[in-house]
Amino acid sequence: MGLLRDLVDLVRAPAALSVPGDVVAGAAAAGTLGARTPALAGASVCLYWAGMAGNDWADRDLDAIERPERPIPSGRV
């Protein structure tokens, strides 16, 4: 359970709650809501999480100084 909690912290999972809404709103505005919309929303969440993890990796040296409790500098992930 600890590793899962650390990964949730790494990707800031709650922040991704807005991402599916953006996808649905965009599809609705374009008139393309359909069976693939949930899959596109899920893929967008995964890309968002990957971006968060990549950002933390890129900032790991600065985070080691300013935010040592974050998952990468603390060694949890």
N, C-alpha and C. Protein backbone atom coordinates (compact mmCIF):
# COMPACT_ATOMS: atom_id res chain seq x y z
N MET A 1 0.82 -1.19 0.00
CA MET A 1 0.00 0.00 0.00
C MET A 1 0.86 1.25 0.00
N GLY A 2 2.04 1.18 0.57
CA GLY A 2 2.91 2.34 0.65
C GLY A 2 3.36 2.83 -0.71
N LEU A 3 3.75 1.89 -1.59
CA LEU A 3 4.20 2.29 -2.92
C LEU A 3 3.07 2.93 -3.71
N LEU A 4 1.87 2.40 -3.60
CA LEU A 4 0.72 2.99 -4.30
C LEU A 4 0.48 4.41 -3.81
N ARG A 5 0.55 4.61 -2.52
CA ARG A 5 0.37 5.94 -1.95
C ARG A 5 1.45 6.89 -2.45
N ASP A 6 2.68 6.40 -2.55
CA ASP A 6 3.78 7.22 -3.05
C ASP A 6 3.58 7.59 -4.52
N LEU A 7 3.07 6.65 -5.32
CA LEU A 7 2.81 6.94 -6.73
C LEU A 7 1.67 7.95 -6.88
N VAL A 8 0.65 7.82 -6.05
CA VAL A 8 -0.46 8.79 -6.06
C VAL A 8 0.07 10.17 -5.72
N ASP A 9 0.98 10.24 -4.77
CA ASP A 9 1.60 11.51 -4.39
C ASP A 9 2.47 12.05 -5.53
N LEU A 10 3.20 11.17 -6.19
CA LEU A 10 4.09 11.58 -7.28
C LEU A 10 3.31 12.23 -8.42
N VAL A 11 2.22 11.61 -8.84
CA VAL A 11 1.47 12.11 -9.99
C VAL A 11 0.40 13.12 -9.59
N ARG A 12 0.28 13.39 -8.28
CA ARG A 12 -0.74 14.32 -7.78
C ARG A 12 -2.11 13.92 -8.34
N ALA A 13 -2.47 12.68 -8.08
CA ALA A 13 -3.67 12.07 -8.66
C ALA A 13 -4.94 12.92 -8.52
N PRO A 14 -5.22 13.52 -7.38
CA PRO A 14 -6.47 14.30 -7.29
C PRO A 14 -6.54 15.46 -8.29
N ALA A 15 -5.41 15.99 -8.68
CA ALA A 15 -5.41 17.11 -9.63
C ALA A 15 -5.92 16.67 -11.00
N ALA A 16 -5.88 15.38 -11.30
CA ALA A 16 -6.32 14.89 -12.60
C ALA A 16 -7.83 14.78 -12.71
N LEU A 17 -8.56 15.07 -11.65
CA LEU A 17 -10.02 14.98 -11.70
C LEU A 17 -10.63 15.94 -12.71
N SER A 18 -9.93 17.03 -13.01
CA SER A 18 -10.46 18.00 -13.97
C SER A 18 -10.22 17.58 -15.42
N VAL A 19 -9.29 16.67 -15.66
CA VAL A 19 -8.90 16.31 -17.02
C VAL A 19 -10.04 15.65 -17.81
N PRO A 20 -10.75 14.67 -17.29
CA PRO A 20 -11.84 14.07 -18.07
C PRO A 20 -12.91 15.09 -18.46
N GLY A 21 -13.19 16.02 -17.60
CA GLY A 21 -14.18 17.05 -17.91
C GLY A 21 -13.75 17.90 -19.09
N ASP A 22 -12.44 18.18 -19.17
CA ASP A 22 -11.94 18.94 -20.31
C ASP A 22 -12.14 18.18 -21.61
N VAL A 23 -11.88 16.87 -21.57
CA VAL A 23 -12.05 16.04 -22.76
C VAL A 23 -13.51 16.00 -23.18
N VAL A 24 -14.39 15.77 -22.22
CA VAL A 24 -15.82 15.70 -22.54
C VAL A 24 -16.33 17.04 -23.07
N ALA A 25 -15.90 18.14 -22.44
CA ALA A 25 -16.33 19.46 -22.91
C ALA A 25 -15.82 19.72 -24.33
N GLY A 26 -14.58 19.36 -24.60
CA GLY A 26 -14.04 19.54 -25.94
C GLY A 26 -14.76 18.71 -26.98
N ALA A 27 -15.05 17.45 -26.64
CA ALA A 27 -15.76 16.58 -27.57
C ALA A 27 -17.18 17.08 -27.80
N ALA A 28 -17.81 17.56 -26.74
CA ALA A 28 -19.18 18.09 -26.89
C ALA A 28 -19.18 19.34 -27.76
N ALA A 29 -18.21 20.22 -27.53
CA ALA A 29 -18.13 21.44 -28.33
C ALA A 29 -17.87 21.13 -29.80
N ALA A 30 -17.11 20.07 -30.06
CA ALA A 30 -16.80 19.69 -31.44
C ALA A 30 -17.90 18.83 -32.05
N GLY A 31 -18.87 18.43 -31.23
CA GLY A 31 -19.94 17.58 -31.72
C GLY A 31 -19.49 16.15 -31.99
N THR A 32 -18.49 15.69 -31.25
CA THR A 32 -17.94 14.36 -31.49
C THR A 32 -18.03 13.44 -30.27
N LEU A 33 -18.96 13.73 -29.36
CA LEU A 33 -19.14 12.82 -28.22
C LEU A 33 -19.53 11.45 -28.75
N GLY A 34 -18.87 10.42 -28.23
CA GLY A 34 -19.19 9.09 -28.72
C GLY A 34 -18.64 8.02 -27.81
N ALA A 35 -18.63 6.81 -28.30
CA ALA A 35 -18.19 5.65 -27.53
C ALA A 35 -16.72 5.73 -27.16
N ARG A 36 -15.93 6.45 -27.93
CA ARG A 36 -14.49 6.54 -27.65
C ARG A 36 -14.14 7.64 -26.65
N THR A 37 -15.07 8.50 -26.32
CA THR A 37 -14.79 9.62 -25.43
C THR A 37 -14.24 9.17 -24.07
N PRO A 38 -14.82 8.15 -23.41
CA PRO A 38 -14.24 7.72 -22.12
C PRO A 38 -12.79 7.23 -22.26
N ALA A 39 -12.48 6.53 -23.34
CA ALA A 39 -11.11 6.06 -23.54
C ALA A 39 -10.16 7.23 -23.75
N LEU A 40 -10.62 8.23 -24.48
CA LEU A 40 -9.80 9.42 -24.69
C LEU A 40 -9.59 10.18 -23.37
N ALA A 41 -10.62 10.22 -22.55
CA ALA A 41 -10.49 10.85 -21.24
C ALA A 41 -9.47 10.10 -20.38
N GLY A 42 -9.54 8.77 -20.40
CA GLY A 42 -8.58 7.95 -19.64
C GLY A 42 -7.16 8.13 -20.14
N ALA A 43 -7.00 8.18 -21.45
CA ALA A 43 -5.66 8.40 -22.02
C ALA A 43 -5.13 9.77 -21.63
N SER A 44 -6.00 10.75 -21.61
CA SER A 44 -5.58 12.10 -21.22
C SER A 44 -5.13 12.15 -19.77
N VAL A 45 -5.83 11.42 -18.90
CA VAL A 45 -5.41 11.34 -17.49
C VAL A 45 -4.02 10.71 -17.39
N CYS A 46 -3.79 9.64 -18.14
CA CYS A 46 -2.48 8.98 -18.12
C CYS A 46 -1.37 9.92 -18.60
N LEU A 47 -1.65 10.67 -19.65
CA LEU A 47 -0.66 11.64 -20.14
C LEU A 47 -0.41 12.74 -19.11
N TYR A 48 -1.46 13.18 -18.45
CA TYR A 48 -1.32 14.20 -17.40
C TYR A 48 -0.42 13.68 -16.27
N TRP A 49 -0.71 12.44 -15.84
CA TRP A 49 0.10 11.85 -14.77
C TRP A 49 1.55 11.67 -15.21
N ALA A 50 1.77 11.27 -16.45
CA ALA A 50 3.14 11.12 -16.96
C ALA A 50 3.86 12.47 -16.96
N GLY A 51 3.14 13.52 -17.31
CA GLY A 51 3.74 14.85 -17.28
C GLY A 51 4.11 15.28 -15.88
N MET A 52 3.26 14.96 -14.91
CA MET A 52 3.57 15.30 -13.52
C MET A 52 4.81 14.56 -13.03
N ALA A 53 4.89 13.26 -13.35
CA ALA A 53 6.05 12.46 -12.94
C ALA A 53 7.30 12.96 -13.65
N GLY A 54 7.19 13.25 -14.95
CA GLY A 54 8.35 13.77 -15.70
C GLY A 54 8.83 15.10 -15.17
N ASN A 55 7.89 15.95 -14.77
CA ASN A 55 8.27 17.24 -14.19
C ASN A 55 9.01 17.05 -12.87
N ASP A 56 8.53 16.13 -12.04
CA ASP A 56 9.23 15.86 -10.78
C ASP A 56 10.62 15.28 -11.04
N TRP A 57 10.75 14.45 -12.05
CA TRP A 57 12.07 13.90 -12.38
C TRP A 57 13.00 15.02 -12.84
N ALA A 58 12.50 15.92 -13.67
CA ALA A 58 13.32 17.03 -14.18
C ALA A 58 13.73 17.98 -13.06
N ASP A 59 12.88 18.13 -12.05
CA ASP A 59 13.15 19.05 -10.95
C ASP A 59 13.73 18.37 -9.72
N ARG A 60 14.20 17.13 -9.87
CA ARG A 60 14.61 16.36 -8.68
C ARG A 60 15.72 17.02 -7.89
N ASP A 61 16.68 17.68 -8.56
CA ASP A 61 17.78 18.31 -7.83
C ASP A 61 17.29 19.52 -7.02
N LEU A 62 16.44 20.33 -7.63
CA LEU A 62 15.88 21.47 -6.91
C LEU A 62 14.94 20.99 -5.80
N ASP A 63 14.14 19.98 -6.10
CA ASP A 63 13.23 19.45 -5.08
C ASP A 63 13.99 18.85 -3.89
N ALA A 64 15.17 18.32 -4.14
CA ALA A 64 15.97 17.77 -3.04
C ALA A 64 16.30 18.86 -2.02
N ILE A 65 16.36 20.09 -2.48
CA ILE A 65 16.66 21.23 -1.60
C ILE A 65 15.38 21.85 -1.05
N GLU A 66 14.43 22.13 -1.97
CA GLU A 66 13.24 22.88 -1.59
C GLU A 66 12.08 22.02 -1.11
N ARG A 67 11.96 20.79 -1.62
CA ARG A 67 10.85 19.90 -1.26
C ARG A 67 11.36 18.48 -1.03
N PRO A 68 12.22 18.28 -0.07
CA PRO A 68 12.82 16.95 0.12
C PRO A 68 11.82 15.86 0.49
N GLU A 69 10.60 16.24 0.85
CA GLU A 69 9.58 15.24 1.20
C GLU A 69 8.89 14.65 -0.03
N ARG A 70 9.08 15.24 -1.22
CA ARG A 70 8.47 14.73 -2.44
C ARG A 70 8.99 13.30 -2.71
N PRO A 71 8.24 12.49 -3.44
CA PRO A 71 8.59 11.08 -3.60
C PRO A 71 9.96 10.80 -4.23
N ILE A 72 10.38 11.55 -5.22
CA ILE A 72 11.66 11.25 -5.86
C ILE A 72 12.84 11.65 -4.99
N PRO A 73 12.91 12.91 -4.51
CA PRO A 73 14.09 13.25 -3.69
C PRO A 73 14.16 12.49 -2.37
N SER A 74 13.00 12.08 -1.85
CA SER A 74 13.00 11.37 -0.58
C SER A 74 13.38 9.89 -0.75
N GLY A 75 13.39 9.43 -2.03
CA GLY A 75 13.73 8.04 -2.30
C GLY A 75 12.56 7.07 -2.21
N ARG A 76 11.34 7.60 -2.00
CA ARG A 76 10.17 6.72 -1.93
C ARG A 76 9.82 6.14 -3.29
N VAL A 77 10.16 6.85 -4.36
CA VAL A 77 9.90 6.38 -5.72
C VAL A 77 11.19 6.50 -6.50
